[in-house]
């Protein structure tokens, strides 16, 4: 199972492009659109939402997390294994809260690169193929990372502010329930 967690919104071609890559490379996987309207370009707020939403997923779930205002920059592409769940995305803090709350965690820098890598859509060109590789048991080049080197590792355990308002007007905070 691959869960998509993005700030792409429901309109436009971007979710469809992610789904197309996953369908081509991991056709037997269930794809769940977990959240497509995470706070735009806000990895910190999104990190707390991700941590709240991933809790009920089973082990071996794969989370493709694309909140990436630094796409095309030198931020690292990473894969985390947190208590048997896999999280893929940029090292900009979006994965930091699930990392901090995990008991058994490891981090890898993705060293593999596709033949064609756009400067503006690593979600489609880099992260989605990695999710498919992991889902189908294919290997890729990686390097172990020290957990303390990751972005957002020093963020607070809870964020005492409203971080998301849903379609119905319900407010979500960064404080654990």
N, C-alpha and C. Protein backbone atom coordinates (compact mmCIF):
# COMPACT_ATOMS: atom_id res chain seq x y z
N UNK A 1 0.84 -1.16 0.00
CA UNK A 1 0.00 0.00 0.00
C UNK A 1 0.89 1.24 0.00
N UNK A 2 0.57 2.17 -0.91
CA UNK A 2 1.31 3.43 -0.99
C UNK A 2 0.32 4.55 -0.72
N UNK A 3 0.62 5.37 0.29
CA UNK A 3 -0.22 6.51 0.64
C UNK A 3 0.44 7.79 0.14
N UNK A 4 -0.33 8.61 -0.57
CA UNK A 4 0.17 9.88 -1.09
C UNK A 4 -0.19 11.00 -0.13
N UNK A 5 0.80 11.78 0.24
CA UNK A 5 0.63 12.90 1.16
C UNK A 5 1.31 14.10 0.49
N UNK A 6 0.50 15.03 -0.05
CA UNK A 6 1.06 16.12 -0.85
C UNK A 6 0.36 17.44 -0.56
N UNK A 7 0.92 18.50 -1.10
CA UNK A 7 0.29 19.82 -1.09
C UNK A 7 -0.15 20.21 -2.50
N UNK A 8 -0.38 19.24 -3.36
CA UNK A 8 -0.69 19.50 -4.77
C UNK A 8 -2.11 20.03 -4.99
N UNK A 9 -3.02 19.77 -4.06
CA UNK A 9 -4.42 20.10 -4.27
C UNK A 9 -5.07 19.05 -5.16
N UNK A 10 -6.37 19.15 -5.28
CA UNK A 10 -7.11 18.16 -6.06
C UNK A 10 -7.24 18.50 -7.53
N UNK A 11 -6.97 19.74 -7.88
CA UNK A 11 -7.07 20.16 -9.28
C UNK A 11 -5.69 20.09 -9.92
N UNK A 12 -5.66 20.05 -11.22
CA UNK A 12 -4.39 20.02 -11.92
C UNK A 12 -3.88 18.61 -12.14
N UNK A 13 -2.78 18.49 -12.85
CA UNK A 13 -2.29 17.19 -13.30
C UNK A 13 -1.38 16.44 -12.34
N UNK A 14 -0.99 17.03 -11.22
CA UNK A 14 0.13 16.50 -10.45
C UNK A 14 -0.17 15.17 -9.75
N UNK A 15 -1.31 15.05 -9.10
CA UNK A 15 -1.66 13.76 -8.49
C UNK A 15 -1.78 12.68 -9.55
N UNK A 16 -2.37 13.03 -10.67
CA UNK A 16 -2.50 12.07 -11.76
C UNK A 16 -1.15 11.59 -12.26
N UNK A 17 -0.19 12.49 -12.33
CA UNK A 17 1.14 12.10 -12.78
C UNK A 17 1.82 11.17 -11.78
N UNK A 18 1.65 11.44 -10.48
CA UNK A 18 2.20 10.51 -9.47
C UNK A 18 1.55 9.14 -9.61
N UNK A 19 0.23 9.13 -9.73
CA UNK A 19 -0.49 7.86 -9.86
C UNK A 19 -0.07 7.10 -11.11
N UNK A 20 0.19 7.82 -12.19
CA UNK A 20 0.61 7.18 -13.44
C UNK A 20 1.96 6.48 -13.27
N UNK A 21 2.91 7.16 -12.64
CA UNK A 21 4.23 6.55 -12.41
C UNK A 21 4.09 5.31 -11.54
N UNK A 22 3.31 5.41 -10.47
CA UNK A 22 3.13 4.27 -9.57
C UNK A 22 2.43 3.12 -10.27
N UNK A 23 1.43 3.42 -11.09
CA UNK A 23 0.71 2.37 -11.82
C UNK A 23 1.62 1.66 -12.82
N UNK A 24 2.54 2.39 -13.43
CA UNK A 24 3.47 1.78 -14.38
C UNK A 24 4.49 0.88 -13.71
N UNK A 25 4.99 1.30 -12.55
CA UNK A 25 6.11 0.61 -11.92
C UNK A 25 5.72 -0.30 -10.75
N UNK A 26 4.51 -0.13 -10.23
CA UNK A 26 4.03 -0.98 -9.13
C UNK A 26 2.53 -1.22 -9.33
N UNK A 27 2.16 -1.87 -10.43
CA UNK A 27 0.75 -1.98 -10.80
C UNK A 27 -0.12 -2.76 -9.82
N UNK A 28 0.47 -3.59 -8.99
CA UNK A 28 -0.33 -4.38 -8.05
C UNK A 28 -0.54 -3.68 -6.71
N UNK A 29 0.05 -2.53 -6.52
CA UNK A 29 -0.06 -1.82 -5.24
C UNK A 29 -1.37 -1.03 -5.15
N UNK A 30 -1.93 -1.01 -3.96
CA UNK A 30 -3.06 -0.14 -3.66
C UNK A 30 -2.50 1.26 -3.41
N UNK A 31 -3.08 2.26 -4.07
CA UNK A 31 -2.66 3.64 -3.90
C UNK A 31 -3.77 4.39 -3.17
N UNK A 32 -3.42 5.05 -2.08
CA UNK A 32 -4.39 5.81 -1.29
C UNK A 32 -3.99 7.27 -1.32
N UNK A 33 -4.93 8.13 -1.69
CA UNK A 33 -4.68 9.56 -1.64
C UNK A 33 -5.00 10.03 -0.22
N UNK A 34 -4.02 9.95 0.66
CA UNK A 34 -4.21 10.26 2.08
C UNK A 34 -4.55 11.73 2.29
N UNK A 35 -3.78 12.62 1.71
CA UNK A 35 -4.04 14.05 1.81
C UNK A 35 -3.38 14.74 0.63
N UNK A 36 -4.16 15.52 -0.11
CA UNK A 36 -3.60 16.22 -1.27
C UNK A 36 -3.61 17.73 -1.08
N UNK A 37 -4.12 18.19 0.05
CA UNK A 37 -4.12 19.64 0.29
C UNK A 37 -3.45 19.99 1.62
N UNK A 38 -2.32 19.36 1.86
CA UNK A 38 -1.50 19.73 3.02
C UNK A 38 -1.12 21.20 2.87
N UNK A 39 -0.77 21.87 3.95
CA UNK A 39 -0.41 23.29 3.85
C UNK A 39 0.68 23.52 2.80
N UNK A 40 0.36 24.36 1.84
CA UNK A 40 1.23 24.57 0.68
C UNK A 40 2.59 25.11 1.10
N UNK A 41 3.64 24.42 0.65
CA UNK A 41 5.03 24.81 0.90
C UNK A 41 5.33 24.96 2.40
N UNK A 42 4.65 24.19 3.24
CA UNK A 42 4.83 24.29 4.69
C UNK A 42 5.22 22.93 5.27
N UNK A 43 6.48 22.52 5.13
CA UNK A 43 6.87 21.21 5.66
C UNK A 43 6.70 21.08 7.16
N UNK A 44 6.87 22.17 7.92
CA UNK A 44 6.76 22.06 9.37
C UNK A 44 5.33 21.70 9.78
N UNK A 45 4.36 22.45 9.35
CA UNK A 45 2.97 22.16 9.69
C UNK A 45 2.56 20.80 9.14
N UNK A 46 2.99 20.50 7.94
CA UNK A 46 2.64 19.22 7.30
C UNK A 46 3.21 18.04 8.07
N UNK A 47 4.36 18.21 8.70
CA UNK A 47 4.98 17.13 9.47
C UNK A 47 4.08 16.66 10.60
N UNK A 48 3.41 17.58 11.25
CA UNK A 48 2.52 17.22 12.36
C UNK A 48 1.25 16.55 11.85
N UNK A 49 0.76 16.99 10.71
CA UNK A 49 -0.42 16.34 10.11
C UNK A 49 -0.08 14.92 9.70
N UNK A 50 1.06 14.74 9.04
CA UNK A 50 1.49 13.40 8.63
C UNK A 50 1.57 12.47 9.84
N UNK A 51 2.17 12.95 10.92
CA UNK A 51 2.31 12.12 12.12
C UNK A 51 0.95 11.72 12.69
N UNK A 52 -0.04 12.58 12.57
CA UNK A 52 -1.38 12.26 13.06
C UNK A 52 -2.08 11.25 12.15
N UNK A 53 -1.87 11.36 10.85
CA UNK A 53 -2.60 10.52 9.89
C UNK A 53 -1.99 9.13 9.69
N UNK A 54 -0.70 8.98 9.91
CA UNK A 54 -0.05 7.70 9.61
C UNK A 54 -0.27 6.64 10.69
N UNK A 55 -0.71 7.05 11.84
CA UNK A 55 -0.80 6.14 13.00
C UNK A 55 -1.62 4.88 12.76
N UNK A 56 -2.70 4.96 12.01
CA UNK A 56 -3.59 3.82 11.84
C UNK A 56 -3.24 2.93 10.66
N UNK A 57 -2.16 3.23 9.97
CA UNK A 57 -1.74 2.41 8.85
C UNK A 57 -0.94 1.21 9.35
N UNK A 58 -1.02 0.10 8.63
CA UNK A 58 -0.27 -1.09 9.06
C UNK A 58 1.21 -0.99 8.71
N UNK A 59 2.00 -1.85 9.35
CA UNK A 59 3.41 -1.97 8.99
C UNK A 59 3.49 -2.30 7.50
N UNK A 60 4.61 -1.98 6.91
CA UNK A 60 4.89 -2.16 5.48
C UNK A 60 4.16 -1.16 4.60
N UNK A 61 3.42 -0.23 5.18
CA UNK A 61 2.83 0.84 4.38
C UNK A 61 3.96 1.76 3.93
N UNK A 62 3.79 2.33 2.75
CA UNK A 62 4.76 3.26 2.18
C UNK A 62 4.07 4.61 2.04
N UNK A 63 4.71 5.65 2.53
CA UNK A 63 4.16 7.00 2.46
C UNK A 63 5.03 7.83 1.53
N UNK A 64 4.43 8.33 0.47
CA UNK A 64 5.09 9.20 -0.49
C UNK A 64 4.71 10.62 -0.10
N UNK A 65 5.64 11.37 0.47
CA UNK A 65 5.36 12.65 1.12
C UNK A 65 6.02 13.78 0.35
N UNK A 66 5.21 14.52 -0.40
CA UNK A 66 5.75 15.55 -1.27
C UNK A 66 5.22 16.91 -0.84
N UNK A 67 5.92 17.53 0.07
CA UNK A 67 5.76 18.95 0.42
C UNK A 67 7.17 19.48 0.20
N UNK A 68 7.41 20.09 -0.94
CA UNK A 68 8.80 20.28 -1.36
C UNK A 68 9.08 21.66 -1.95
N UNK A 69 9.01 22.72 -1.11
CA UNK A 69 9.30 24.04 -1.66
C UNK A 69 10.75 24.19 -2.14
N UNK A 70 11.63 23.31 -1.71
CA UNK A 70 13.04 23.38 -2.12
C UNK A 70 13.38 22.47 -3.28
N UNK A 71 12.38 22.02 -4.03
CA UNK A 71 12.64 21.11 -5.15
C UNK A 71 13.69 21.73 -6.08
N UNK A 72 14.63 20.90 -6.49
CA UNK A 72 15.70 21.37 -7.37
C UNK A 72 16.89 21.95 -6.62
N UNK A 73 16.78 22.09 -5.30
CA UNK A 73 17.89 22.63 -4.51
C UNK A 73 18.78 21.47 -4.04
N UNK A 74 19.66 21.76 -3.11
CA UNK A 74 20.58 20.73 -2.63
C UNK A 74 20.03 19.94 -1.44
N UNK A 75 18.76 20.12 -1.08
CA UNK A 75 18.18 19.32 0.01
C UNK A 75 18.21 17.85 -0.42
N UNK A 76 18.39 16.96 0.54
CA UNK A 76 18.56 15.54 0.23
C UNK A 76 17.23 14.84 0.02
N UNK A 77 17.17 13.89 -0.90
CA UNK A 77 16.02 12.99 -0.98
C UNK A 77 16.26 11.83 -0.01
N UNK A 78 15.26 11.52 0.83
CA UNK A 78 15.49 10.53 1.87
C UNK A 78 14.38 9.48 1.95
N UNK A 79 14.74 8.36 2.57
CA UNK A 79 13.81 7.29 2.91
C UNK A 79 14.00 7.00 4.39
N UNK A 80 12.91 6.99 5.13
CA UNK A 80 12.94 6.61 6.54
C UNK A 80 12.20 5.30 6.73
N UNK A 81 12.73 4.46 7.59
CA UNK A 81 11.99 3.29 8.07
C UNK A 81 11.68 3.60 9.53
N UNK A 82 10.39 3.75 9.82
CA UNK A 82 9.95 4.10 11.16
C UNK A 82 9.00 3.01 11.64
N UNK A 83 9.48 2.17 12.51
CA UNK A 83 8.66 1.10 13.09
C UNK A 83 7.99 0.23 12.02
N UNK A 84 8.73 -0.03 10.94
CA UNK A 84 8.22 -0.91 9.89
C UNK A 84 7.39 -0.22 8.82
N UNK A 85 7.24 1.09 8.91
CA UNK A 85 6.57 1.87 7.87
C UNK A 85 7.64 2.68 7.15
N UNK A 86 7.45 2.88 5.85
CA UNK A 86 8.44 3.56 5.02
C UNK A 86 7.91 4.95 4.64
N UNK A 87 8.77 5.96 4.79
CA UNK A 87 8.43 7.33 4.46
C UNK A 87 9.46 7.86 3.47
N UNK A 88 8.99 8.41 2.36
CA UNK A 88 9.86 8.88 1.29
C UNK A 88 9.55 10.35 1.04
N UNK A 89 10.59 11.17 0.93
CA UNK A 89 10.37 12.58 0.64
C UNK A 89 11.65 13.37 0.77
N UNK A 90 11.53 14.69 0.72
CA UNK A 90 12.70 15.55 0.85
C UNK A 90 13.10 15.71 2.31
N UNK A 91 14.37 15.95 2.54
CA UNK A 91 14.85 16.25 3.90
C UNK A 91 14.67 17.74 4.16
N UNK A 92 13.42 18.12 4.41
CA UNK A 92 13.11 19.51 4.74
C UNK A 92 12.28 19.59 6.02
N UNK A 93 12.19 18.48 6.74
CA UNK A 93 11.45 18.44 7.99
C UNK A 93 10.10 17.78 7.90
N UNK A 94 9.57 17.59 6.70
CA UNK A 94 8.23 17.01 6.56
C UNK A 94 8.13 15.61 7.18
N UNK A 95 9.24 14.90 7.28
CA UNK A 95 9.23 13.56 7.86
C UNK A 95 9.72 13.55 9.31
N UNK A 96 10.07 14.70 9.84
CA UNK A 96 10.76 14.75 11.13
C UNK A 96 9.92 14.32 12.33
N UNK A 97 8.64 14.59 12.34
CA UNK A 97 7.83 14.27 13.52
C UNK A 97 7.56 12.78 13.58
N UNK A 98 7.29 12.12 12.44
CA UNK A 98 7.15 10.66 12.49
C UNK A 98 8.47 10.03 12.92
N UNK A 99 9.56 10.59 12.48
CA UNK A 99 10.88 10.10 12.89
C UNK A 99 11.06 10.22 14.40
N UNK A 100 10.77 11.39 14.94
CA UNK A 100 10.96 11.63 16.38
C UNK A 100 10.07 10.75 17.24
N UNK A 101 8.89 10.44 16.75
CA UNK A 101 7.94 9.66 17.55
C UNK A 101 8.13 8.16 17.39
N UNK A 102 8.99 7.75 16.47
CA UNK A 102 9.22 6.33 16.24
C UNK A 102 10.15 5.72 17.27
N UNK A 103 10.04 4.41 17.43
CA UNK A 103 10.91 3.69 18.35
C UNK A 103 12.11 3.07 17.64
N UNK A 104 11.85 2.44 16.49
CA UNK A 104 12.91 1.82 15.68
C UNK A 104 12.98 2.56 14.35
N UNK A 105 14.01 3.37 14.19
CA UNK A 105 14.08 4.23 13.02
C UNK A 105 15.44 4.14 12.35
N UNK A 106 15.43 4.32 11.03
CA UNK A 106 16.67 4.44 10.27
C UNK A 106 16.41 5.39 9.11
N UNK A 107 17.47 6.01 8.62
CA UNK A 107 17.36 6.99 7.55
C UNK A 107 18.39 6.69 6.47
N UNK A 108 17.95 6.88 5.22
CA UNK A 108 18.84 6.68 4.07
C UNK A 108 18.71 7.87 3.13
N UNK A 109 19.84 8.27 2.57
CA UNK A 109 19.82 9.22 1.47
C UNK A 109 19.66 8.42 0.19
N UNK A 110 18.75 8.86 -0.67
CA UNK A 110 18.55 8.22 -1.97
C UNK A 110 19.66 8.70 -2.90
N UNK A 111 20.51 7.80 -3.35
CA UNK A 111 21.59 8.15 -4.27
C UNK A 111 21.20 7.88 -5.73
N UNK A 112 20.23 6.98 -5.94
CA UNK A 112 19.76 6.64 -7.28
C UNK A 112 19.14 7.88 -7.93
N UNK A 113 19.36 8.03 -9.22
CA UNK A 113 18.73 9.10 -9.99
C UNK A 113 18.20 8.50 -11.29
N UNK A 114 17.03 8.96 -11.73
CA UNK A 114 16.50 8.48 -13.01
C UNK A 114 17.26 9.12 -14.17
N UNK A 115 17.05 8.57 -15.35
CA UNK A 115 17.69 9.14 -16.54
C UNK A 115 17.24 10.58 -16.78
N UNK A 116 15.94 10.83 -16.53
CA UNK A 116 15.39 12.18 -16.70
C UNK A 116 14.88 12.65 -15.34
N UNK A 117 15.49 13.71 -14.83
CA UNK A 117 15.09 14.28 -13.55
C UNK A 117 14.83 15.76 -13.74
N UNK A 118 13.56 16.14 -13.71
CA UNK A 118 13.24 17.56 -13.87
C UNK A 118 13.72 18.32 -12.64
N UNK A 119 13.87 19.62 -12.79
CA UNK A 119 14.27 20.45 -11.66
C UNK A 119 13.08 20.88 -10.83
N UNK A 120 11.85 20.59 -11.30
CA UNK A 120 10.67 21.09 -10.59
C UNK A 120 9.67 20.02 -10.17
N UNK A 121 9.93 18.73 -10.45
CA UNK A 121 8.95 17.71 -10.07
C UNK A 121 9.65 16.42 -9.65
N UNK A 122 10.40 16.51 -8.56
CA UNK A 122 11.06 15.32 -8.02
C UNK A 122 10.06 14.31 -7.49
N UNK A 123 8.85 14.77 -7.12
CA UNK A 123 7.81 13.83 -6.69
C UNK A 123 7.53 12.79 -7.75
N UNK A 124 7.40 13.22 -8.97
CA UNK A 124 7.12 12.32 -10.09
C UNK A 124 8.37 11.57 -10.55
N UNK A 125 9.49 12.28 -10.67
CA UNK A 125 10.66 11.72 -11.33
C UNK A 125 11.60 10.94 -10.41
N UNK A 126 11.59 11.25 -9.12
CA UNK A 126 12.51 10.60 -8.19
C UNK A 126 11.78 9.84 -7.08
N UNK A 127 10.91 10.54 -6.36
CA UNK A 127 10.28 9.92 -5.19
C UNK A 127 9.27 8.83 -5.55
N UNK A 128 8.43 9.04 -6.56
CA UNK A 128 7.46 8.00 -6.95
C UNK A 128 8.16 6.74 -7.46
N UNK A 129 9.18 6.84 -8.31
CA UNK A 129 9.88 5.61 -8.70
C UNK A 129 10.53 4.88 -7.52
N UNK A 130 11.03 5.63 -6.54
CA UNK A 130 11.61 4.98 -5.36
C UNK A 130 10.52 4.25 -4.58
N UNK A 131 9.36 4.87 -4.43
CA UNK A 131 8.24 4.20 -3.75
C UNK A 131 7.88 2.91 -4.47
N UNK A 132 7.85 2.95 -5.79
CA UNK A 132 7.54 1.75 -6.58
C UNK A 132 8.63 0.69 -6.41
N UNK A 133 9.89 1.11 -6.40
CA UNK A 133 10.99 0.15 -6.20
C UNK A 133 10.86 -0.54 -4.85
N UNK A 134 10.60 0.23 -3.82
CA UNK A 134 10.46 -0.36 -2.48
C UNK A 134 9.26 -1.30 -2.44
N UNK A 135 8.15 -0.89 -3.02
CA UNK A 135 6.93 -1.70 -3.00
C UNK A 135 7.11 -3.02 -3.73
N UNK A 136 7.93 -3.02 -4.77
CA UNK A 136 8.12 -4.23 -5.58
C UNK A 136 9.40 -4.99 -5.23
N UNK A 137 10.10 -4.55 -4.20
CA UNK A 137 11.28 -5.26 -3.74
C UNK A 137 12.52 -5.04 -4.57
N UNK A 138 12.55 -3.97 -5.38
CA UNK A 138 13.72 -3.68 -6.20
C UNK A 138 14.69 -2.80 -5.41
N UNK A 139 15.96 -2.98 -5.67
CA UNK A 139 16.98 -2.23 -4.94
C UNK A 139 17.24 -0.88 -5.62
N UNK A 140 17.87 0.00 -4.89
CA UNK A 140 18.30 1.29 -5.41
C UNK A 140 19.52 1.73 -4.59
N UNK A 141 20.29 2.64 -5.16
CA UNK A 141 21.48 3.13 -4.46
C UNK A 141 21.08 4.06 -3.33
N UNK A 142 21.71 3.86 -2.15
CA UNK A 142 21.42 4.70 -1.00
C UNK A 142 22.64 4.76 -0.09
N UNK A 143 22.58 5.69 0.86
CA UNK A 143 23.64 5.87 1.84
C UNK A 143 22.98 6.12 3.20
N UNK A 144 23.49 5.48 4.24
CA UNK A 144 22.95 5.67 5.59
C UNK A 144 23.17 7.10 6.05
N UNK A 145 22.16 7.65 6.71
CA UNK A 145 22.25 9.00 7.26
C UNK A 145 22.16 8.96 8.78
N UNK A 146 22.84 9.88 9.43
CA UNK A 146 22.71 10.04 10.88
C UNK A 146 21.39 10.76 11.16
N UNK A 147 20.61 10.23 12.07
CA UNK A 147 19.29 10.80 12.37
C UNK A 147 19.40 12.25 12.82
N UNK A 148 20.41 12.56 13.60
CA UNK A 148 20.53 13.92 14.13
C UNK A 148 20.87 14.95 13.05
N UNK A 149 21.23 14.50 11.85
CA UNK A 149 21.55 15.42 10.76
C UNK A 149 20.32 15.86 9.97
N UNK A 150 19.17 15.26 10.23
CA UNK A 150 17.98 15.52 9.42
C UNK A 150 17.28 16.82 9.80
N UNK A 151 16.72 17.47 8.81
CA UNK A 151 16.01 18.73 9.02
C UNK A 151 14.78 18.51 9.91
N UNK A 152 14.52 19.45 10.80
CA UNK A 152 13.34 19.40 11.65
C UNK A 152 13.49 18.55 12.89
N UNK A 153 14.62 17.93 13.08
CA UNK A 153 14.81 17.03 14.22
C UNK A 153 14.70 17.79 15.54
N UNK A 154 14.90 19.10 15.50
CA UNK A 154 14.82 19.92 16.72
C UNK A 154 13.47 20.61 16.90
N UNK A 155 12.50 20.31 16.05
CA UNK A 155 11.18 20.91 16.20
C UNK A 155 10.50 20.36 17.45
N UNK A 156 9.56 21.10 18.04
CA UNK A 156 8.91 20.63 19.27
C UNK A 156 8.07 19.38 19.03
N UNK A 157 7.86 18.62 20.10
CA UNK A 157 7.03 17.41 20.01
C UNK A 157 5.61 17.73 19.57
N UNK A 158 5.09 18.85 20.02
CA UNK A 158 3.75 19.30 19.64
C UNK A 158 3.86 20.75 19.18
N UNK A 159 3.00 21.12 18.24
CA UNK A 159 2.98 22.48 17.72
C UNK A 159 1.66 23.12 18.16
N UNK A 160 1.75 24.09 19.05
CA UNK A 160 0.57 24.70 19.66
C UNK A 160 -0.03 25.78 18.78
N UNK A 161 -0.50 25.38 17.61
CA UNK A 161 -1.17 26.32 16.71
C UNK A 161 -2.07 25.54 15.75
N UNK A 162 -2.97 26.27 15.13
CA UNK A 162 -3.83 25.65 14.11
C UNK A 162 -2.97 25.48 12.86
N UNK A 163 -2.93 24.25 12.35
CA UNK A 163 -2.07 23.97 11.20
C UNK A 163 -2.85 23.56 9.96
N UNK A 164 -4.15 23.30 10.11
CA UNK A 164 -4.93 22.83 8.96
C UNK A 164 -6.41 23.06 9.24
N UNK A 165 -7.13 23.54 8.25
CA UNK A 165 -8.58 23.66 8.32
C UNK A 165 -9.14 22.88 7.15
N UNK A 166 -9.97 21.88 7.45
CA UNK A 166 -10.49 21.02 6.39
C UNK A 166 -11.67 21.66 5.65
N UNK A 167 -12.16 20.95 4.67
CA UNK A 167 -13.25 21.39 3.80
C UNK A 167 -14.49 21.79 4.60
N UNK A 168 -14.72 21.15 5.73
CA UNK A 168 -15.90 21.41 6.55
C UNK A 168 -15.69 22.52 7.57
N UNK A 169 -14.48 23.05 7.65
CA UNK A 169 -14.18 24.11 8.60
C UNK A 169 -13.60 23.63 9.92
N UNK A 170 -13.35 22.33 10.02
CA UNK A 170 -12.74 21.79 11.24
C UNK A 170 -11.26 22.17 11.30
N UNK A 171 -10.82 22.62 12.45
CA UNK A 171 -9.43 23.02 12.64
C UNK A 171 -8.63 21.89 13.26
N UNK A 172 -7.41 21.72 12.78
CA UNK A 172 -6.49 20.72 13.34
C UNK A 172 -5.28 21.47 13.89
N UNK A 173 -4.85 21.06 15.07
CA UNK A 173 -3.64 21.65 15.64
C UNK A 173 -2.50 20.64 15.54
N UNK A 174 -1.33 21.10 15.90
CA UNK A 174 -0.17 20.22 15.93
C UNK A 174 0.03 19.55 17.27
N UNK A 175 -1.02 19.52 18.10
CA UNK A 175 -0.95 18.89 19.42
C UNK A 175 -1.57 17.51 19.33
N UNK A 176 -0.87 16.51 19.85
CA UNK A 176 -1.39 15.15 19.82
C UNK A 176 -2.67 15.03 20.62
N UNK A 177 -3.59 14.23 20.10
CA UNK A 177 -4.87 13.99 20.81
C UNK A 177 -4.68 12.94 21.88
